[in-house]
């Protein structure tokens, strides 16, 4: 797997990108990077970045973090909104992109009490609005889709690892492919 392309895990807030990504990386014996954690470590808490500098400044920091992580390789979990920024989408080129999906019902429990800036007001309704706005971009970028709503994370991890070990998406097949509909809502 060390010669395998980087794996970028995308999806909405609360889908389990960090949890799944960390376990997939461990299973494959490759590094794991959570770009939100990198940004927070280097620039301070994300809610503070949004409040003090605004979302566009955060998205620039995020694009740089994703570029660095993809260059390092391994498994990379990105923030839910990373896909909204063109430079971040460009940074994902050449990586295998895994989309994790989750139902609103399942995510409601996961994000309760969250300090996530885009959910500060509006809760699950805000999550659904954000998800609806990003759904087409997620689908366009994804090489494989796995739903985390009602399945143990270990099963999701096993499925992602099996997909990667089966060859994931060879570069020549990625252009114009559509994501698998496995587990699609």
C-alpha atoms as a PDB file:
ATOM      1  CA  UNK A   1       0.000   0.000   0.000  1.00  0.00           C
ATOM      2  CA  UNK A   2       2.936   2.384   0.458  1.00  0.00           C
ATOM      3  CA  UNK A   3       3.033   2.943  -3.307  1.00  0.00           C
ATOM      4  CA  UNK A   4      -0.734   3.496  -3.430  1.00  0.00           C
ATOM      5  CA  UNK A   5      -2.163   6.869  -4.226  1.00  0.00           C
ATOM      6  CA  UNK A   6      -3.317   9.069  -1.356  1.00  0.00           C
ATOM      7  CA  UNK A   7      -6.867   8.494  -0.117  1.00  0.00           C
ATOM      8  CA  UNK A   8      -9.022  11.546   0.640  1.00  0.00           C
ATOM      9  CA  UNK A   9     -12.166  11.047   2.706  1.00  0.00           C
ATOM     10  CA  UNK A  10     -14.909  13.603   2.064  1.00  0.00           C
ATOM     11  CA  UNK A  11     -18.467  13.972   3.291  1.00  0.00           C
ATOM     12  CA  UNK A  12     -20.780  16.031   5.448  1.00  0.00           C
ATOM     13  CA  UNK A  13     -20.171  17.027   9.040  1.00  0.00           C
ATOM     14  CA  UNK A  14     -20.771  14.081  11.345  1.00  0.00           C
ATOM     15  CA  UNK A  15     -20.323  11.338   8.726  1.00  0.00           C
ATOM     16  CA  UNK A  16     -17.316   9.880  10.569  1.00  0.00           C
ATOM     17  CA  UNK A  17     -14.509  10.988   8.253  1.00  0.00           C
ATOM     18  CA  UNK A  18     -11.882  11.226  11.004  1.00  0.00           C
ATOM     19  CA  UNK A  19     -12.938   8.034  12.785  1.00  0.00           C
ATOM     20  CA  UNK A  20     -13.057   5.984   9.596  1.00  0.00           C
ATOM     21  CA  UNK A  21      -9.941   7.617   8.136  1.00  0.00           C
ATOM     22  CA  UNK A  22      -7.836   6.917  11.203  1.00  0.00           C
ATOM     23  CA  UNK A  23      -8.862   3.248  11.226  1.00  0.00           C
ATOM     24  CA  UNK A  24      -8.382   2.813   7.464  1.00  0.00           C
ATOM     25  CA  UNK A  25      -4.872   4.285   7.693  1.00  0.00           C
ATOM     26  CA  UNK A  26      -4.000   1.980  10.597  1.00  0.00           C
ATOM     27  CA  UNK A  27      -5.321  -1.035   8.723  1.00  0.00           C
ATOM     28  CA  UNK A  28      -3.260  -0.127   5.647  1.00  0.00           C
ATOM     29  CA  UNK A  29      -0.153   0.863   7.617  1.00  0.00           C
ATOM     30  CA  UNK A  30      -0.015   4.386   6.171  1.00  0.00           C
ATOM     31  CA  UNK A  31      -0.041   7.874   7.747  1.00  0.00           C
ATOM     32  CA  UNK A  32      -3.329   9.542   8.694  1.00  0.00           C
ATOM     33  CA  UNK A  33      -3.927  13.284   8.477  1.00  0.00           C
ATOM     34  CA  UNK A  34      -7.003  15.115   9.727  1.00  0.00           C
ATOM     35  CA  UNK A  35      -6.722  18.501   8.003  1.00  0.00           C
ATOM     36  CA  UNK A  36      -9.029  20.199  10.542  1.00  0.00           C
ATOM     37  CA  UNK A  37      -6.659  19.116  13.336  1.00  0.00           C
ATOM     38  CA  UNK A  38      -3.635  20.346  11.373  1.00  0.00           C
ATOM     39  CA  UNK A  39      -5.298  23.743  10.857  1.00  0.00           C
ATOM     40  CA  UNK A  40      -6.301  24.018  14.519  1.00  0.00           C
ATOM     41  CA  UNK A  41      -2.797  23.052  15.662  1.00  0.00           C
ATOM     42  CA  UNK A  42      -1.122  25.591  13.378  1.00  0.00           C
ATOM     43  CA  UNK A  43      -3.660  28.453  13.423  1.00  0.00           C
ATOM     44  CA  UNK A  44      -5.874  28.021  16.489  1.00  0.00           C
ATOM     45  CA  UNK A  45      -9.414  26.728  16.982  1.00  0.00           C
ATOM     46  CA  UNK A  46     -11.485  26.634  13.794  1.00  0.00           C
ATOM     47  CA  UNK A  47     -14.479  28.510  15.284  1.00  0.00           C
ATOM     48  CA  UNK A  48     -12.039  31.329  16.104  1.00  0.00           C
ATOM     49  CA  UNK A  49     -10.664  31.381  12.562  1.00  0.00           C
ATOM     50  CA  UNK A  50     -14.206  31.671  11.182  1.00  0.00           C
ATOM     51  CA  UNK A  51     -15.070  34.428  13.680  1.00  0.00           C
ATOM     52  CA  UNK A  52     -11.846  36.440  13.355  1.00  0.00           C
ATOM     53  CA  UNK A  53     -10.875  35.947   9.723  1.00  0.00           C
ATOM     54  CA  UNK A  54     -13.975  34.601   7.981  1.00  0.00           C
ATOM     55  CA  UNK A  55     -14.742  31.479   6.013  1.00  0.00           C
ATOM     56  CA  UNK A  56     -12.736  32.483   2.870  1.00  0.00           C
ATOM     57  CA  UNK A  57      -9.532  32.775   4.950  1.00  0.00           C
ATOM     58  CA  UNK A  58     -10.261  29.407   6.563  1.00  0.00           C
ATOM     59  CA  UNK A  59     -10.805  27.787   3.139  1.00  0.00           C
ATOM     60  CA  UNK A  60      -7.374  29.058   1.993  1.00  0.00           C
ATOM     61  CA  UNK A  61      -5.730  27.511   5.079  1.00  0.00           C
ATOM     62  CA  UNK A  62      -7.668  24.321   4.405  1.00  0.00           C
ATOM     63  CA  UNK A  63      -6.542  24.161   0.754  1.00  0.00           C
ATOM     64  CA  UNK A  64      -2.905  24.458   1.856  1.00  0.00           C
ATOM     65  CA  UNK A  65      -3.390  21.743   4.498  1.00  0.00           C
ATOM     66  CA  UNK A  66      -4.973  19.393   1.939  1.00  0.00           C
ATOM     67  CA  UNK A  67      -2.159  20.037  -0.587  1.00  0.00           C
ATOM     68  CA  UNK A  68       0.458  19.232   2.058  1.00  0.00           C
ATOM     69  CA  UNK A  69      -1.401  16.120   3.232  1.00  0.00           C
ATOM     70  CA  UNK A  70      -1.864  14.761  -0.294  1.00  0.00           C
ATOM     71  CA  UNK A  71       1.846  15.348  -0.955  1.00  0.00           C
ATOM     72  CA  UNK A  72       2.649  13.349   2.209  1.00  0.00           C
ATOM     73  CA  UNK A  73       0.272  10.562   1.192  1.00  0.00           C
ATOM     74  CA  UNK A  74      -1.672   8.071   3.235  1.00  0.00           C
ATOM     75  CA  UNK A  75      -5.256   8.676   4.302  1.00  0.00           C
ATOM     76  CA  UNK A  76      -6.548  12.234   4.637  1.00  0.00           C
ATOM     77  CA  UNK A  77      -9.824  13.286   6.265  1.00  0.00           C
ATOM     78  CA  UNK A  78     -10.948  16.750   5.183  1.00  0.00           C
ATOM     79  CA  UNK A  79     -13.574  19.064   6.618  1.00  0.00           C
ATOM     80  CA  UNK A  80     -17.114  18.830   5.310  1.00  0.00           C
ATOM     81  CA  UNK A  81     -16.809  22.075   3.374  1.00  0.00           C
ATOM     82  CA  UNK A  82     -13.386  21.429   1.870  1.00  0.00           C
ATOM     83  CA  UNK A  83     -14.993  20.448  -1.427  1.00  0.00           C
ATOM     84  CA  UNK A  84     -16.492  23.933  -1.833  1.00  0.00           C
ATOM     85  CA  UNK A  85     -13.083  25.477  -2.568  1.00  0.00           C
ATOM     86  CA  UNK A  86     -11.606  25.057  -6.077  1.00  0.00           C
ATOM     87  CA  UNK A  87      -7.996  24.956  -4.834  1.00  0.00           C
ATOM     88  CA  UNK A  88      -8.892  22.179  -2.408  1.00  0.00           C
ATOM     89  CA  UNK A  89     -10.653  20.180  -5.124  1.00  0.00           C
ATOM     90  CA  UNK A  90      -7.557  20.636  -7.315  1.00  0.00           C
ATOM     91  CA  UNK A  91      -5.349  19.411  -4.454  1.00  0.00           C
ATOM     92  CA  UNK A  92      -7.378  16.168  -4.382  1.00  0.00           C
ATOM     93  CA  UNK A  93      -6.534  15.363  -8.006  1.00  0.00           C
ATOM     94  CA  UNK A  94      -4.583  12.132  -8.179  1.00  0.00           C
ATOM     95  CA  UNK A  95      -6.065  10.793  -4.943  1.00  0.00           C
ATOM     96  CA  UNK A  96      -8.668   8.097  -4.445  1.00  0.00           C
ATOM     97  CA  UNK A  97     -11.696   9.952  -3.078  1.00  0.00           C
ATOM     98  CA  UNK A  98     -14.040   8.179  -0.663  1.00  0.00           C
ATOM     99  CA  UNK A  99     -17.389   9.803   0.167  1.00  0.00           C
ATOM    100  CA  UNK A 100     -18.947   8.934   3.506  1.00  0.00           C
ATOM    101  CA  UNK A 101     -22.667   9.622   3.692  1.00  0.00           C
ATOM    102  CA  UNK A 102     -24.946   9.740   6.715  1.00  0.00           C
ATOM    103  CA  UNK A 103     -28.669  10.252   7.260  1.00  0.00           C
ATOM    104  CA  UNK A 104     -29.943  13.382   9.031  1.00  0.00           C
ATOM    105  CA  UNK A 105     -31.343  11.167  11.810  1.00  0.00           C
ATOM    106  CA  UNK A 106     -28.006   9.510  12.491  1.00  0.00           C
ATOM    107  CA  UNK A 107     -26.036  12.746  12.285  1.00  0.00           C
ATOM    108  CA  UNK A 108     -28.362  14.587  14.684  1.00  0.00           C
ATOM    109  CA  UNK A 109     -27.005  12.541  17.604  1.00  0.00           C
ATOM    110  CA  UNK A 110     -23.404  12.908  16.440  1.00  0.00           C
ATOM    111  CA  UNK A 111     -23.414  16.702  16.162  1.00  0.00           C
ATOM    112  CA  UNK A 112     -25.436  17.479  19.295  1.00  0.00           C
ATOM    113  CA  UNK A 113     -23.639  20.152  21.323  1.00  0.00           C
ATOM    114  CA  UNK A 114     -21.196  20.800  18.501  1.00  0.00           C
ATOM    115  CA  UNK A 115     -19.136  23.971  18.250  1.00  0.00           C
ATOM    116  CA  UNK A 116     -18.983  23.667  14.463  1.00  0.00           C
ATOM    117  CA  UNK A 117     -19.216  27.231  13.115  1.00  0.00           C
ATOM    118  CA  UNK A 118     -21.688  26.545  10.322  1.00  0.00           C
ATOM    119  CA  UNK A 119     -24.070  24.792  12.745  1.00  0.00           C
ATOM    120  CA  UNK A 120     -23.923  27.352  15.548  1.00  0.00           C
ATOM    121  CA  UNK A 121     -27.440  28.416  14.647  1.00  0.00           C
ATOM    122  CA  UNK A 122     -29.887  26.094  13.004  1.00  0.00           C
ATOM    123  CA  UNK A 123     -28.658  22.667  14.142  1.00  0.00           C
ATOM    124  CA  UNK A 124     -29.874  19.740  12.005  1.00  0.00           C
ATOM    125  CA  UNK A 125     -31.819  22.024   9.649  1.00  0.00           C
ATOM    126  CA  UNK A 126     -28.599  23.933   8.972  1.00  0.00           C
ATOM    127  CA  UNK A 127     -26.797  20.610   8.461  1.00  0.00           C
ATOM    128  CA  UNK A 128     -29.421  19.504   5.901  1.00  0.00           C
ATOM    129  CA  UNK A 129     -29.204  22.818   4.019  1.00  0.00           C
ATOM    130  CA  UNK A 130     -25.398  22.578   3.902  1.00  0.00           C
ATOM    131  CA  UNK A 131     -25.584  18.921   2.838  1.00  0.00           C
ATOM    132  CA  UNK A 132     -28.035  19.747   0.044  1.00  0.00           C
ATOM    133  CA  UNK A 133     -25.750  22.530  -1.214  1.00  0.00           C
ATOM    134  CA  UNK A 134     -22.719  20.217  -1.310  1.00  0.00           C
ATOM    135  CA  UNK A 135     -24.308  16.919  -2.418  1.00  0.00           C
ATOM    136  CA  UNK A 136     -23.622  17.311  -6.150  1.00  0.00           C
ATOM    137  CA  UNK A 137     -19.984  18.275  -5.518  1.00  0.00           C
ATOM    138  CA  UNK A 138     -19.491  15.326  -3.180  1.00  0.00           C
ATOM    139  CA  UNK A 139     -20.963  12.965  -5.777  1.00  0.00           C
ATOM    140  CA  UNK A 140     -18.864  14.412  -8.606  1.00  0.00           C
ATOM    141  CA  UNK A 141     -15.606  13.976  -6.670  1.00  0.00           C
ATOM    142  CA  UNK A 142     -16.272  10.540  -5.162  1.00  0.00           C
ATOM    143  CA  UNK A 143     -14.772   7.357  -6.570  1.00  0.00           C
ATOM    144  CA  UNK A 144     -16.629   5.265  -3.977  1.00  0.00           C
ATOM    145  CA  UNK A 145     -19.499   5.945  -1.562  1.00  0.00           C
ATOM    146  CA  UNK A 146     -20.043   4.307   1.829  1.00  0.00           C
ATOM    147  CA  UNK A 147     -22.926   5.091   4.183  1.00  0.00           C
ATOM    148  CA  UNK A 148     -22.166   5.319   7.916  1.00  0.00           C
ATOM    149  CA  UNK A 149     -25.717   5.867   9.201  1.00  0.00           C
ATOM    150  CA  UNK A 150     -26.663   2.507  10.661  1.00  0.00           C
ATOM    151  CA  UNK A 151     -23.521   0.413  10.380  1.00  0.00           C
ATOM    152  CA  UNK A 152     -20.739  -0.119  12.881  1.00  0.00           C
ATOM    153  CA  UNK A 153     -17.705   1.986  11.949  1.00  0.00           C
ATOM    154  CA  UNK A 154     -15.616  -1.210  11.846  1.00  0.00           C
ATOM    155  CA  UNK A 155     -17.772  -2.516   8.961  1.00  0.00           C
ATOM    156  CA  UNK A 156     -17.427   0.761   7.066  1.00  0.00           C
ATOM    157  CA  UNK A 157     -13.647   0.638   7.596  1.00  0.00           C
ATOM    158  CA  UNK A 158     -13.520  -2.974   6.349  1.00  0.00           C
ATOM    159  CA  UNK A 159     -15.478  -1.995   3.221  1.00  0.00           C
ATOM    160  CA  UNK A 160     -13.229   0.992   2.460  1.00  0.00           C
ATOM    161  CA  UNK A 161     -10.067  -1.084   2.976  1.00  0.00           C
ATOM    162  CA  UNK A 162     -11.453  -3.876   0.756  1.00  0.00           C
ATOM    163  CA  UNK A 163     -12.263  -1.343  -1.982  1.00  0.00           C
ATOM    164  CA  UNK A 164      -8.769   0.145  -1.788  1.00  0.00           C
ATOM    165  CA  UNK A 165      -7.064  -3.248  -1.784  1.00  0.00           C
ATOM    166  CA  UNK A 166      -9.153  -4.294  -4.779  1.00  0.00           C
ATOM    167  CA  UNK A 167      -7.466  -1.537  -6.722  1.00  0.00           C
ATOM    168  CA  UNK A 168      -9.687   1.463  -5.970  1.00  0.00           C
ATOM    169  CA  UNK A 169      -9.926   3.636  -9.070  1.00  0.00           C
ATOM    170  CA  UNK A 170      -7.008   3.339 -11.498  1.00  0.00           C
ATOM    171  CA  UNK A 171      -6.052   6.768 -12.842  1.00  0.00           C
ATOM    172  CA  UNK A 172      -7.119   6.001 -16.411  1.00  0.00           C
ATOM    173  CA  UNK A 173     -10.607   5.020 -15.216  1.00  0.00           C
ATOM    174  CA  UNK A 174     -11.244   8.004 -12.961  1.00  0.00           C
ATOM    175  CA  UNK A 175     -12.106  10.570 -15.590  1.00  0.00           C
ATOM    176  CA  UNK A 176     -15.847  10.634 -16.078  1.00  0.00           C
ATOM    177  CA  UNK A 177     -16.660   7.836 -13.662  1.00  0.00           C
ATOM    178  CA  UNK A 178     -19.681   7.962 -11.453  1.00  0.00           C
ATOM    179  CA  UNK A 179     -19.581   7.008  -7.794  1.00  0.00           C
ATOM    180  CA  UNK A 180     -20.778   3.603  -6.735  1.00  0.00           C
ATOM    181  CA  UNK A 181     -24.323   3.696  -5.490  1.00  0.00           C
ATOM    182  CA  UNK A 182     -23.525   1.365  -2.617  1.00  0.00           C
ATOM    183  CA  UNK A 183     -25.215   2.740   0.453  1.00  0.00           C
ATOM    184  CA  UNK A 184     -26.359   5.877  -1.351  1.00  0.00           C
ATOM    185  CA  UNK A 185     -29.292   7.536   0.375  1.00  0.00           C
END
